[in-house]
Protein backbone atom coordinates (compact mmCIF):
# COMPACT_ATOMS: atom_id res chain seq x y z
CA MET A 1 -24.71 18.66 -4.93
CA THR A 2 -27.33 16.44 -2.70
CA GLY A 3 -28.37 12.99 -3.01
CA THR A 4 -26.93 9.86 -4.75
CA GLY A 5 -24.06 9.62 -7.09
CA ALA A 6 -21.83 7.06 -8.98
CA VAL A 7 -17.67 7.17 -8.84
CA ALA A 8 -15.37 4.82 -10.05
CA ALA A 9 -12.41 3.76 -7.67
CA VAL A 10 -8.68 3.01 -9.67
CA ASP A 11 -6.82 0.70 -6.84
CA LEU A 12 -3.50 -0.77 -8.64
CA GLY A 13 -1.62 -2.91 -5.86
CA ALA A 14 1.73 -4.35 -6.13
CA THR A 15 0.07 -7.79 -7.57
CA SER A 16 -3.23 -6.70 -9.06
CA GLY A 17 -5.69 -4.16 -9.63
CA ARG A 18 -9.33 -3.06 -10.05
CA VAL A 19 -11.84 -1.02 -10.65
CA MET A 20 -14.82 -0.44 -8.48
CA LEU A 21 -17.65 1.25 -9.47
CA ALA A 22 -20.04 2.39 -6.48
CA ARG A 23 -23.34 4.33 -5.51
CA VAL A 24 -22.71 6.99 -2.70
CA GLY A 25 -24.99 8.93 -0.64
CA PRO A 26 -25.54 10.00 3.08
CA GLY A 27 -26.25 6.35 4.62
CA ARG A 28 -25.57 4.34 1.47
CA ILE A 29 -22.17 3.38 -0.12
CA THR A 30 -22.52 0.49 -2.48
CA MET A 31 -19.96 -0.73 -4.16
CA ARG A 32 -19.51 -3.56 -7.03
CA GLN A 33 -16.01 -4.69 -9.25
CA VAL A 34 -15.86 -3.63 -12.63
CA ALA A 35 -12.74 -4.98 -13.27
CA ARG A 36 -9.76 -7.14 -12.17
CA PHE A 37 -7.02 -7.54 -13.37
CA ALA A 38 -3.02 -9.12 -12.84
CA ASN A 39 -0.49 -6.48 -12.16
CA ASP A 40 3.26 -8.66 -13.17
CA PRO A 41 6.58 -7.44 -13.47
CA LEU A 42 8.46 -7.35 -16.13
CA SER A 43 11.66 -8.55 -15.91
CA LEU A 44 14.28 -7.26 -19.35
CA TRP A 45 17.55 -7.26 -19.95
CA ASN A 46 19.38 -3.70 -20.08
CA GLY A 47 22.09 -4.46 -22.05
CA ALA A 48 24.28 -5.24 -17.86
CA ARG A 49 21.88 -7.47 -15.98
CA GLU A 50 17.96 -8.79 -15.81
CA ALA A 51 15.96 -5.18 -14.01
CA LEU A 52 12.29 -5.45 -13.32
CA HIS A 53 9.73 -2.74 -14.33
CA TRP A 54 6.36 -1.61 -14.18
CA ASP A 55 4.05 -2.81 -17.27
CA LEU A 56 2.73 0.90 -16.95
CA PRO A 57 1.32 1.11 -20.71
CA GLY A 58 -0.62 -2.46 -19.80
CA LEU A 59 -1.96 -0.83 -16.75
CA TYR A 60 -3.19 1.95 -18.64
CA ARG A 61 -5.01 0.24 -20.96
CA GLN A 62 -6.17 -1.77 -18.13
CA VAL A 63 -7.46 1.12 -16.28
CA GLY A 64 -9.20 2.60 -19.35
CA ARG A 65 -10.68 -0.06 -20.17
CA GLY A 66 -12.19 -0.48 -16.44
CA LEU A 67 -13.22 2.75 -16.68
CA ALA A 68 -15.22 2.41 -19.76
CA GLY A 69 -16.62 -0.58 -17.90
CA ALA A 70 -18.03 1.20 -15.24
CA ALA A 71 -19.55 4.44 -17.19
CA ARG A 72 -21.45 1.78 -19.56
CA LEU A 73 -22.85 0.49 -16.03
CA ALA A 74 -23.46 3.93 -14.37
CA PRO A 75 -24.23 6.52 -17.40
CA ASP A 76 -24.07 9.57 -14.51
CA LEU A 77 -20.91 8.24 -13.43
CA LEU A 78 -19.16 11.77 -12.02
CA GLY A 79 -15.48 10.55 -12.12
CA ALA A 80 -12.95 8.15 -11.08
CA GLY A 81 -9.32 8.63 -8.64
CA ILE A 82 -6.49 6.51 -9.15
CA ASP A 83 -4.48 5.39 -5.89
CA SER A 84 -1.53 2.47 -6.41
CA TRP A 85 1.22 1.39 -4.22
CA ALA A 86 3.85 3.78 -2.82
CA VAL A 87 7.66 5.13 -4.03
CA ASP A 88 7.49 3.97 -7.93
CA TYR A 89 7.74 7.11 -10.47
CA GLY A 90 8.24 7.33 -14.15
CA LEU A 91 11.08 9.29 -15.44
CA LEU A 92 9.95 12.20 -18.04
CA ARG A 93 10.97 14.51 -20.80
CA ASN A 94 8.85 17.50 -22.34
CA GLY A 95 5.87 15.20 -21.34
CA ARG A 96 6.99 11.98 -22.77
CA LEU A 97 7.76 8.80 -20.82
CA LEU A 98 11.69 7.81 -20.73
CA GLY A 99 11.57 4.61 -19.82
CA LEU A 100 9.45 1.79 -18.31
CA PRO A 101 9.59 2.54 -14.02
CA TYR A 102 11.45 0.58 -11.98
CA HIS A 103 9.98 -2.00 -9.85
CA TYR A 104 10.73 -1.21 -6.46
CA ARG A 105 11.30 -4.71 -5.74
CA ASP A 106 14.89 -4.38 -8.55
CA ASP A 107 17.96 -4.55 -6.71
CA ARG A 108 19.57 -1.49 -8.03
CA SER A 109 19.00 1.02 -5.22
CA ALA A 110 21.80 -0.42 -2.48
CA GLU A 111 24.30 1.70 -4.10
CA GLY A 112 21.92 5.03 -3.88
CA VAL A 113 21.40 3.92 -0.18
CA ALA A 114 24.86 3.58 0.19
CA ALA A 115 25.74 7.17 -1.98
CA VAL A 116 22.50 8.90 0.36
CA HIS A 117 24.22 8.23 3.85
CA ALA A 118 27.66 9.04 2.53
CA THR A 119 25.70 12.32 2.62
CA VAL A 120 23.37 12.50 5.05
CA ALA A 121 23.64 10.24 7.81
CA GLN A 122 20.18 7.67 8.22
CA ALA A 123 19.76 9.54 12.15
CA ASP A 124 19.81 12.89 9.80
CA LEU A 125 17.91 11.77 7.07
CA TYR A 126 14.81 10.74 9.35
CA ASP A 127 14.80 13.59 11.54
CA ARG A 128 13.92 15.26 8.30
CA ASN A 129 11.75 13.03 6.74
CA GLY A 130 10.51 11.26 9.33
CA LEU A 131 10.55 7.67 7.15
CA GLN A 132 11.46 4.53 8.09
CA PHE A 133 14.35 2.86 6.61
CA LEU A 134 13.56 0.86 3.55
CA PRO A 135 16.16 0.61 0.84
CA PHE A 136 13.80 1.15 -2.27
CA THR A 137 12.44 4.63 -0.50
CA THR A 138 12.09 6.92 -3.54
CA VAL A 139 15.24 8.67 -2.16
CA TYR A 140 17.35 6.17 -3.32
CA GLN A 141 16.13 4.94 -6.37
CA LEU A 142 16.60 8.75 -7.48
CA ALA A 143 20.42 8.63 -5.95
CA ALA A 144 21.08 5.26 -7.93
CA GLU A 145 19.68 6.90 -10.97
CA ARG A 146 21.91 9.72 -11.09
CA LEU A 147 24.93 7.34 -10.61
CA ALA A 148 23.72 5.75 -13.67
CA GLY A 149 22.99 9.28 -15.49
CA THR A 150 19.54 7.91 -16.25
CA LEU A 151 18.73 11.11 -14.79
CA ASP A 152 20.22 13.59 -16.92
CA PRO A 153 18.01 13.87 -19.13
CA ALA A 154 14.79 13.82 -17.14
CA ASP A 155 13.08 16.84 -16.54
CA THR A 156 9.83 15.57 -14.34
CA ALA A 157 9.25 12.48 -11.91
CA LEU A 158 5.52 11.55 -11.79
CA LEU A 159 4.34 8.90 -9.51
CA MET A 160 2.55 5.91 -10.62
CA PRO A 161 -1.07 7.52 -9.64
CA ASP A 162 -0.26 11.10 -10.78
CA LEU A 163 1.55 9.91 -14.56
CA LEU A 164 -1.76 7.94 -15.03
CA GLY A 165 -3.23 10.66 -14.09
CA PHE A 166 -1.21 13.23 -16.62
CA TRP A 167 -1.96 10.71 -19.53
CA LEU A 168 -5.88 11.43 -18.99
CA THR A 169 -5.70 14.89 -17.94
CA GLY A 170 -2.04 16.50 -18.97
CA ILE A 171 -2.28 17.70 -15.64
CA GLN A 172 0.77 17.07 -13.53
CA VAL A 173 0.53 17.10 -10.16
CA THR A 174 2.68 15.31 -6.64
CA GLU A 175 -0.34 13.74 -4.46
CA ARG A 176 1.03 14.66 -0.51
CA THR A 177 0.13 10.96 0.45
CA ASN A 178 2.42 9.26 -1.99
CA ALA A 179 4.80 12.35 -1.89
CA SER A 180 5.60 11.85 1.79
CA THR A 181 7.01 8.29 0.85
CA THR A 182 9.54 9.68 -1.26
CA GLY A 183 11.74 10.37 1.37
CA LEU A 184 12.47 14.03 -0.13
CA LEU A 185 9.40 15.55 2.19
CA GLY A 186 9.88 17.21 5.19
CA VAL A 187 8.31 16.76 8.21
CA ASP A 188 6.74 20.13 7.47
CA GLY A 189 4.46 18.66 4.54
CA GLU A 190 6.53 20.60 1.79
CA TRP A 191 9.66 19.40 -0.45
CA ASP A 192 12.57 19.48 1.15
CA ALA A 193 15.06 21.45 -1.59
CA ASP A 194 17.96 21.55 0.68
CA LEU A 195 17.63 18.07 1.51
CA ARG A 196 17.50 17.68 -2.57
CA ALA A 197 20.55 19.90 -2.95
CA ARG A 198 22.61 18.40 -0.66
CA LEU A 199 22.00 14.98 -2.06
CA ALA A 200 22.49 16.56 -6.05
CA LEU A 201 19.02 15.81 -7.09
CA PRO A 202 17.10 17.68 -9.54
CA ASP A 203 14.14 19.38 -9.20
CA LEU A 204 11.66 16.99 -10.79
CA PHE A 205 8.82 16.18 -8.66
CA PRO A 206 5.47 18.68 -9.75
CA SER A 207 3.92 21.32 -7.08
CA LEU A 208 1.94 19.12 -4.31
CA ALA A 209 -1.78 18.92 -4.63
CA ASP A 210 -4.38 17.64 -1.68
CA PRO A 211 -6.46 14.17 -1.78
CA GLY A 212 -9.92 16.00 -3.13
CA THR A 213 -8.05 18.10 -5.82
CA THR A 214 -9.92 18.38 -9.48
CA LEU A 215 -7.33 17.50 -12.03
CA GLY A 216 -10.38 18.54 -14.33
CA PRO A 217 -12.08 16.72 -17.32
CA LEU A 218 -10.26 13.87 -19.16
CA LEU A 219 -8.33 14.47 -22.89
CA PRO A 220 -10.66 14.75 -25.19
CA GLY A 221 -8.94 12.43 -27.75
CA ILE A 222 -8.17 9.88 -24.48
CA ALA A 223 -11.88 9.76 -23.63
CA SER A 224 -13.29 9.00 -27.05
CA GLY A 225 -10.30 6.26 -27.32
CA PHE A 226 -11.97 4.42 -24.17
CA GLY A 227 -15.14 4.76 -25.10
CA LEU A 228 -15.73 7.49 -22.14
CA ASP A 229 -17.50 11.12 -21.70
CA ASP A 230 -14.66 13.42 -21.97
CA LYS A 231 -16.86 15.30 -18.99
CA LEU A 232 -15.80 12.77 -16.44
CA THR A 233 -13.52 14.48 -14.09
CA LEU A 234 -10.53 12.90 -12.32
CA THR A 235 -9.90 13.55 -9.16
CA THR A 236 -7.02 13.00 -6.71
CA VAL A 237 -8.02 10.85 -4.08
CA ALA A 238 -5.31 9.56 -1.04
CA SER A 239 -3.19 8.25 -3.55
CA HIS A 240 -0.63 6.21 -1.99
CA ASP A 241 -2.60 3.01 -1.30
CA THR A 242 -2.06 2.62 2.48
CA ALA A 243 -3.14 6.58 2.73
CA SER A 244 -6.76 5.56 1.34
CA ALA A 245 -7.48 2.31 3.79
CA VAL A 246 -6.47 3.57 6.52
CA ALA A 247 -9.09 7.05 5.94
CA ALA A 248 -11.53 3.81 5.25
CA VAL A 249 -10.99 2.24 8.60
CA PRO A 250 -14.07 2.43 10.65
CA MET A 251 -12.42 2.88 13.92
CA THR A 252 -11.72 5.39 16.90
CA PRO A 253 -8.27 6.34 16.43
CA GLU A 254 -7.46 7.34 19.74
CA SER A 255 -7.75 4.06 20.92
CA ALA A 256 -7.01 1.56 17.97
CA ALA A 257 -4.40 0.50 15.60
CA TYR A 258 -4.84 -0.18 11.99
CA ILE A 259 -3.04 -2.98 9.75
CA SER A 260 -3.64 -2.77 5.82
CA CYS A 261 -2.92 -6.15 4.89
CA GLY A 262 -2.49 -6.91 1.43
CA THR A 263 1.17 -7.68 -0.30
CA TRP A 264 2.54 -5.55 2.76
CA ALA A 265 0.88 -5.19 5.88
CA LEU A 266 1.23 -1.58 7.46
CA ALA A 267 0.65 -1.47 10.55
CA GLY A 268 0.60 1.43 13.27
CA VAL A 269 -2.03 4.02 14.79
CA GLU A 270 -2.90 7.47 13.45
CA ILE A 271 -1.98 10.72 15.21
CA THR A 272 -2.04 14.07 14.56
CA ARG A 273 1.45 15.56 13.65
CA PRO A 274 4.55 13.74 13.02
CA LEU A 275 6.32 12.02 15.60
CA ILE A 276 10.11 12.22 15.58
CA ASP A 277 12.18 10.64 18.34
CA PRO A 278 14.99 8.54 19.07
CA ALA A 279 12.79 5.57 19.98
CA SER A 280 10.97 6.18 16.59
CA ARG A 281 13.89 5.96 14.42
CA ALA A 282 14.87 2.86 16.06
CA ALA A 283 11.94 0.89 16.02
CA ASN A 284 11.84 1.76 12.12
CA PHE A 285 9.06 3.36 12.14
CA THR A 286 7.40 5.74 9.60
CA ASN A 287 5.54 9.14 9.57
CA GLU A 288 2.95 9.28 6.26
CA ALA A 289 0.32 11.76 5.43
CA ALA A 290 -3.04 10.80 5.91
CA LEU A 291 -5.93 12.07 4.84
CA ASP A 292 -6.69 15.83 6.90
CA GLY A 293 -3.84 16.98 7.91
CA ARG A 294 -3.12 13.77 9.96
CA THR A 295 -0.58 11.39 10.17
CA ARG A 296 -0.10 7.70 9.61
CA PHE A 297 2.74 6.01 12.00
CA LEU A 298 3.12 2.67 11.21
CA ARG A 299 6.12 0.13 10.17
CA ASN A 300 6.01 -1.80 6.96
CA VAL A 301 5.78 -5.70 8.12
CA MET A 302 5.87 -8.57 5.25
CA GLY A 303 2.24 -9.22 4.58
CA LEU A 304 0.12 -11.92 2.29
CA TRP A 305 3.45 -11.73 -0.13
CA LEU A 306 4.89 -15.14 2.00
CA LEU A 307 1.30 -16.80 1.29
CA SER A 308 1.27 -15.71 -2.53
CA GLU A 309 4.82 -16.52 -3.54
CA SER A 310 4.76 -19.78 -1.32
CA VAL A 311 1.66 -21.35 -3.08
CA ARG A 312 3.14 -19.72 -6.68
CA HIS A 313 6.20 -21.68 -5.81
CA TRP A 314 4.15 -24.63 -4.83
CA GLN A 315 2.11 -24.85 -8.01
CA ARG A 316 4.86 -25.40 -10.45
CA GLU A 317 5.23 -28.86 -8.92
CA ASP A 318 1.70 -29.22 -7.79
CA ALA A 319 -1.10 -27.47 -10.61
CA THR A 320 -3.88 -27.92 -7.64
CA ALA A 321 -1.97 -26.47 -4.79
CA ASP A 322 -4.66 -24.01 -3.49
CA LEU A 323 -4.45 -21.62 -0.96
CA ALA A 324 -7.80 -21.81 0.73
CA ARG A 325 -7.56 -25.20 1.34
CA LEU A 326 -4.07 -25.23 2.63
CA LEU A 327 -5.56 -22.21 4.92
CA ALA A 328 -8.20 -24.67 6.08
CA ALA A 329 -5.81 -27.70 6.89
CA ALA A 330 -3.19 -25.01 8.41
CA ALA A 331 -6.35 -23.93 10.99
CA GLU A 332 -6.26 -27.38 12.44
CA ALA A 333 -2.42 -27.86 11.87
CA PRO A 334 -0.62 -27.25 15.35
CA ALA A 335 1.28 -24.23 15.65
CA PRO A 336 5.02 -23.96 14.94
CA VAL A 337 7.90 -24.98 17.71
CA ALA A 338 9.05 -21.47 17.00
CA MET A 339 7.71 -18.63 14.80
CA PHE A 340 10.66 -17.15 12.15
CA ASP A 341 10.94 -13.51 11.27
CA VAL A 342 8.77 -12.24 8.57
CA ASP A 343 10.52 -9.12 8.35
CA ASP A 344 14.44 -10.78 6.90
CA PRO A 345 15.09 -9.23 3.82
CA VAL A 346 15.75 -12.76 2.19
CA PHE A 347 11.71 -13.15 1.67
CA LEU A 348 12.00 -9.86 -0.54
CA ALA A 349 12.20 -11.45 -3.50
CA PRO A 350 10.49 -13.43 -5.71
CA GLY A 351 11.22 -16.97 -5.76
CA ASP A 352 11.18 -19.92 -3.11
CA ILE A 353 10.19 -19.00 -0.35
CA PRO A 354 9.20 -22.01 1.29
CA GLY A 355 12.76 -22.75 0.88
CA ARG A 356 14.51 -19.72 2.44
CA ILE A 357 11.85 -20.42 5.00
CA ALA A 358 13.25 -24.06 5.79
CA ASP A 359 16.48 -21.96 5.41
CA TRP A 360 16.08 -19.64 8.02
CA TYR A 361 14.60 -22.78 10.35
CA THR A 362 17.59 -24.86 9.80
CA ALA A 363 20.61 -22.23 10.01
CA ARG A 364 19.20 -21.66 13.74
CA ASP A 365 18.79 -25.21 14.51
CA LEU A 366 15.07 -24.82 14.69
CA PRO A 367 12.37 -27.47 13.47
CA VAL A 368 11.62 -26.77 9.83
CA PRO A 369 7.53 -27.16 8.97
CA ASP A 370 7.54 -30.46 7.12
CA GLY A 371 5.13 -29.47 4.05
CA PRO A 372 3.01 -26.96 2.62
CA VAL A 373 0.38 -27.06 5.67
CA PRO A 374 2.81 -26.89 8.42
CA MET A 375 4.87 -24.38 6.18
CA VAL A 376 1.45 -22.35 6.05
CA ARG A 377 0.44 -22.67 9.70
CA ALA A 378 3.92 -20.99 10.34
CA ILE A 379 3.62 -18.26 8.07
CA VAL A 380 0.34 -17.25 8.67
CA GLU A 381 1.57 -17.40 13.21
CA SER A 382 4.22 -15.74 12.08
CA LEU A 383 3.01 -13.05 10.64
CA ALA A 384 0.68 -12.95 13.27
CA ALA A 385 3.21 -12.52 15.98
CA ALA A 386 4.92 -9.89 13.57
CA PHE A 387 1.96 -7.92 13.84
CA ALA A 388 0.98 -7.73 17.39
CA ALA A 389 4.37 -6.90 17.89
CA CYS A 390 4.28 -4.03 15.65
CA VAL A 391 1.20 -2.94 17.39
CA ARG A 392 1.94 -2.73 21.25
CA THR A 393 5.27 -0.93 19.56
CA ALA A 394 3.02 1.49 18.05
CA ALA A 395 0.94 2.65 20.90
CA GLU A 396 3.96 2.02 23.53
CA LEU A 397 5.97 4.70 21.22
CA SER A 398 2.64 7.37 20.34
CA GLY A 399 0.76 6.89 24.10
CA THR A 400 -2.39 5.40 21.86
CA PRO A 401 -4.13 3.29 24.32
CA VAL A 402 -5.14 0.73 21.61
CA ARG A 403 -7.94 -1.76 22.97
CA THR A 404 -8.99 -3.15 19.19
CA ILE A 405 -7.18 -3.73 16.50
CA HIS A 406 -8.65 -2.69 12.86
CA LEU A 407 -7.34 -5.39 10.36
CA VAL A 408 -8.54 -4.20 6.59
CA GLY A 409 -7.58 -5.36 2.62
CA GLY A 410 -6.96 -8.93 1.96
CA GLY A 411 -5.79 -10.42 5.06
CA ALA A 412 -9.34 -9.18 6.76
CA ARG A 413 -10.21 -12.84 4.53
CA ASN A 414 -7.76 -14.59 6.22
CA LYS A 415 -9.63 -15.89 9.33
CA LEU A 416 -7.18 -17.91 10.73
CA LEU A 417 -4.67 -14.13 10.46
CA CYS A 418 -7.87 -12.91 12.17
CA ARG A 419 -8.05 -15.17 15.09
CA LEU A 420 -4.61 -15.38 15.67
CA LEU A 421 -3.89 -11.83 15.64
CA ALA A 422 -6.63 -11.93 18.70
CA ASP A 423 -4.48 -14.60 20.33
CA HIS A 424 -1.17 -12.69 20.22
CA ALA A 425 -2.31 -9.14 20.57
CA GLY A 426 -4.35 -10.07 23.35
CA ILE A 427 -7.52 -7.53 22.16
CA PRO A 428 -10.21 -7.58 19.60
CA VAL A 429 -9.59 -7.87 16.28
CA LEU A 430 -12.10 -6.15 13.61
CA ALA A 431 -11.70 -7.46 10.39
CA GLY A 432 -13.08 -5.54 7.44
CA PRO A 433 -13.91 -3.98 4.99
CA VAL A 434 -11.72 -6.02 2.58
CA GLU A 435 -11.88 -3.14 -0.22
CA ALA A 436 -10.56 -0.18 2.59
CA THR A 437 -8.19 0.96 -0.17
CA SER A 438 -11.10 1.51 -2.84
CA LEU A 439 -13.79 2.56 -0.52
CA GLY A 440 -10.83 5.31 1.03
CA ASN A 441 -10.36 6.44 -2.30
CA ILE A 442 -14.42 6.74 -3.45
CA LEU A 443 -15.11 9.03 0.27
CA VAL A 444 -12.78 11.46 -0.89
CA GLN A 445 -14.36 11.58 -4.42
CA ALA A 446 -17.79 11.44 -2.66
CA ARG A 447 -16.43 14.53 -0.42
CA THR A 448 -15.42 16.20 -3.95
CA HIS A 449 -18.39 16.04 -5.66
CA GLY A 450 -20.42 16.63 -2.52
CA LEU A 451 -22.26 13.59 -2.22
CA LEU A 452 -21.03 12.69 1.73
CA HIS A 453 -19.80 15.57 4.68
CA GLY A 454 -17.86 16.13 7.10
CA ASP A 455 -14.05 15.05 8.08
CA VAL A 456 -12.32 11.82 7.87
CA ASP A 457 -13.94 10.60 10.92
CA ALA A 458 -17.80 10.99 9.57
CA LEU A 459 -16.44 9.36 6.57
CA ARG A 460 -15.66 6.76 8.42
CA THR A 461 -18.99 6.37 10.48
CA GLU A 462 -20.81 5.34 6.68
CA VAL A 463 -17.68 3.13 6.00
CA ALA A 464 -19.01 1.26 9.54
CA THR A 465 -23.14 1.27 8.74
CA ALA A 466 -22.36 -0.14 5.32
CA TYR A 467 -19.70 -2.54 6.03
CA PRO A 468 -20.20 -3.98 9.95
CA PRO A 469 -16.61 -5.41 10.39
CA GLN A 470 -16.57 -9.29 11.84
CA ARG A 471 -14.73 -9.33 15.41
CA TYR A 472 -12.42 -11.98 16.50
CA LEU A 473 -11.70 -12.11 20.74
CA PRO A 474 -8.86 -13.41 21.98
CA ARG A 475 -8.85 -17.15 23.32
CA THR A 476 -6.44 -18.71 26.23
CA GLU A 477 -3.34 -20.01 25.48
CA THR A 478 -4.29 -23.59 25.90
CA ALA A 479 -6.90 -23.29 23.08
CA ARG A 480 -4.04 -21.30 20.85
CA LYS A 481 -1.81 -24.53 21.14
CA ALA A 482 -4.72 -26.36 19.79
CA GLY A 483 -5.25 -25.01 17.09
């Protein structure tokens, strides 16, 4: 195919989802938002406790409506692709969903962590899958399910984008970049059957599919129910949202680091093969699959969750609390006396984040940021310092001479964060594109449909042309402390 064409990206984040419509061709990428919707977890009583679940049927309805809106705006719409957050899954039997998927912030996985490491030491697990330790990784969730007996009736497990794809097309696959976050994929890129057997986990996940695999047209009844053409084709993309975001970072990977910053921040470098050694394990760095067989060598860092959850807390007492105004005021405020550890597990759960930050400072006899503006400054400053430290570690471990940092995602809008990141890292920060995840989704589809050609570096060149990033240079220490 030559010329331009239209594709739709379904991008589901941990707090919101969107459907983006793009028109793509050589030298041209234009994109518009068709639909945006909240992704609010459900707290449901399960007979013993309140458990946190995803409202996946609600998301499915929003996805269908969004795709219908895209098709109305672009009657020549070629197809769609779906990406989402990682690790979570739905259990099925004979194609039927057995229950609402658990949310990764649900606290059920602690027993799973203990069960896994009673059989496989953490160091040995890292040698097998190359993943950083996160207590909600799929392998731990599945171990918790096994202990609870809830795996017994299941014959299939599908990660979130694959489950939605199954409902739309009837085809079951496991997309490779998202599979690499489960802990059950070996560093060779294939399912680790021996690990699964040692952990007494059933063989639930379907065969692997690479990004750019055509799943097929939508099921006729599903398509007509949403007002869509059943010739619309669904394509697998780099369906872990970070993999899509990194695919759209307009960087030269040999000399740059990336930070995909949204609810979470994922900071690291792109390398040609997994890096598995004691130093990487000790630094808690992960090796996840990237587009075109490359590896995302990165670490999860707490991201904008700290800001969004803090604002939600303040709005319960003051409905006028507004993040944009708080950030503007924080940019003029002095730097905190000390930064706090943004990755302390105490900040993982929803709730009173400002109160927990205050407790963190108090427990260490440090001055507590007094009021929302100083608290916002402390959060952003601490995030910037954590991001810079993570980038330095990624560079040291991988041997990558990082000369620029590319920050993409929602964090690219936060000018204070970008400025402070450049200060703490001491190198330029290139901010944008904001919608990198949707762009990465779109790029894979465009290549599959023949609208664009070349490897991921060629695709990134298209992004740099269409969405040139904003540059932030580091300031002197005196200027930084002055705000």
